[in-house]
Amino acid sequence: MEGRRRLVERCKNRPIAHVAAEMGISRAYASKWVNRWRRHGDAGLQDRASTPHRSPQATPTWVIEHIETWRRAHTWSAQRITDELADLGYGSTAAP
């Protein structure tokens, strides 16, 4: 974060491309951090998680629990688990 703060300080008085070249980073990378700082202040210089905020196509919890149980308790193969899930109404042809 300190390096990003130095980048922003230098870009206040000089072109981003020049500062990026001096620091050995791309202009696009430098612009990303300067723009985040302009929008969010010092909070914008923090790293952000790359995980999505939501996942509408995520596997339902009950399916994950069944899979974990079957793998640990029965050591079933992937094909057997697929067949069992299909019997429960979950799969590529059945709606969850």
Protein backbone atom coordinates (compact mmCIF):
# COMPACT_ATOMS: atom_id res chain seq x y z
CA MET A 1 0.00 0.00 0.00
CA GLU A 2 2.89 2.37 0.71
CA GLY A 3 4.13 2.01 -2.87
CA ARG A 4 0.68 2.85 -4.18
CA ARG A 5 0.55 5.90 -1.97
CA ARG A 6 3.93 7.05 -3.35
CA LEU A 7 2.62 6.46 -6.88
CA VAL A 8 -0.41 8.67 -6.22
CA GLU A 9 1.70 11.43 -4.67
CA ARG A 10 4.05 11.50 -7.65
CA CYS A 11 1.13 11.55 -10.12
CA LYS A 12 -0.32 14.70 -8.53
CA ASN A 13 2.37 16.81 -10.22
CA ARG A 14 3.50 14.67 -13.14
CA PRO A 15 1.99 12.61 -15.97
CA ILE A 16 1.00 9.08 -15.02
CA ALA A 17 2.97 7.59 -17.93
CA HIS A 18 6.23 9.20 -16.74
CA VAL A 19 5.75 8.08 -13.14
CA ALA A 20 4.84 4.56 -14.26
CA ALA A 21 8.00 4.32 -16.38
CA GLU A 22 10.15 5.50 -13.44
CA MET A 23 8.55 2.95 -11.12
CA GLY A 24 8.83 0.12 -13.66
CA ILE A 25 5.10 -0.53 -13.94
CA SER A 26 2.65 -0.22 -16.81
CA ARG A 27 0.70 2.97 -17.40
CA ALA A 28 -2.55 0.99 -17.18
CA TYR A 29 -1.61 -0.39 -13.76
CA ALA A 30 -0.64 3.07 -12.51
CA SER A 31 -3.85 4.57 -13.87
CA LYS A 32 -5.92 1.91 -12.12
CA TRP A 33 -4.53 2.84 -8.70
CA VAL A 34 -4.63 6.60 -9.29
CA ASN A 35 -8.26 6.39 -10.42
CA ARG A 36 -9.19 4.25 -7.42
CA TRP A 37 -7.56 6.82 -5.15
CA ARG A 38 -9.46 9.64 -6.87
CA ARG A 39 -12.77 7.80 -6.38
CA HIS A 40 -12.28 6.36 -2.89
CA GLY A 41 -9.36 8.17 -1.27
CA ASP A 42 -6.86 6.11 0.74
CA ALA A 43 -9.42 3.31 1.07
CA GLY A 44 -9.14 2.81 -2.69
CA LEU A 45 -5.48 1.84 -2.32
CA GLN A 46 -6.36 -1.30 -0.33
CA ASP A 47 -6.34 -4.66 -2.06
CA ARG A 48 -9.79 -6.00 -2.85
CA ALA A 49 -10.93 -9.60 -2.87
CA SER A 50 -11.22 -11.08 -6.33
CA THR A 51 -14.16 -13.30 -5.40
CA PRO A 52 -17.51 -12.26 -6.80
CA HIS A 53 -20.04 -10.60 -4.49
CA ARG A 54 -22.66 -13.12 -5.48
CA SER A 55 -22.79 -16.33 -7.45
CA PRO A 56 -26.28 -17.02 -8.81
CA GLN A 57 -25.23 -20.30 -10.46
CA ALA A 58 -23.54 -21.67 -7.34
CA THR A 59 -24.16 -25.28 -6.39
CA PRO A 60 -26.84 -25.48 -3.69
CA THR A 61 -25.60 -26.18 -0.16
CA TRP A 62 -27.61 -29.38 0.17
CA VAL A 63 -25.87 -30.82 -2.91
CA ILE A 64 -22.42 -29.97 -1.55
CA GLU A 65 -23.28 -31.59 1.78
CA HIS A 66 -24.45 -34.77 0.05
CA ILE A 67 -21.32 -34.94 -2.10
CA GLU A 68 -19.01 -34.48 0.91
CA THR A 69 -20.84 -37.14 2.89
CA TRP A 70 -20.80 -39.65 0.03
CA ARG A 71 -17.12 -39.08 -0.71
CA ARG A 72 -16.02 -39.42 2.92
CA ALA A 73 -18.40 -42.06 4.24
CA HIS A 74 -18.74 -44.25 1.16
CA THR A 75 -15.75 -43.21 -1.03
CA TRP A 76 -18.08 -43.23 -4.02
CA SER A 77 -16.84 -42.32 -7.49
CA ALA A 78 -17.89 -39.17 -9.29
CA GLN A 79 -20.16 -41.20 -11.58
CA ARG A 80 -21.92 -42.85 -8.63
CA ILE A 81 -22.44 -39.45 -6.99
CA THR A 82 -23.81 -38.06 -10.26
CA ASP A 83 -26.25 -40.96 -10.48
CA GLU A 84 -27.36 -40.50 -6.85
CA LEU A 85 -27.91 -36.77 -7.38
CA ALA A 86 -29.94 -37.50 -10.50
CA ASP A 87 -32.09 -39.88 -8.44
CA LEU A 88 -32.68 -36.99 -6.02
CA GLY A 89 -33.76 -34.75 -8.91
CA TYR A 90 -30.59 -32.69 -9.29
CA GLY A 91 -28.56 -32.74 -12.47
CA SER A 92 -28.09 -31.32 -15.92
CA THR A 93 -31.58 -32.26 -17.09
CA ALA A 94 -33.48 -31.59 -13.86
CA ALA A 95 -34.01 -28.18 -12.36
CA PRO A 96 -32.58 -27.73 -8.82
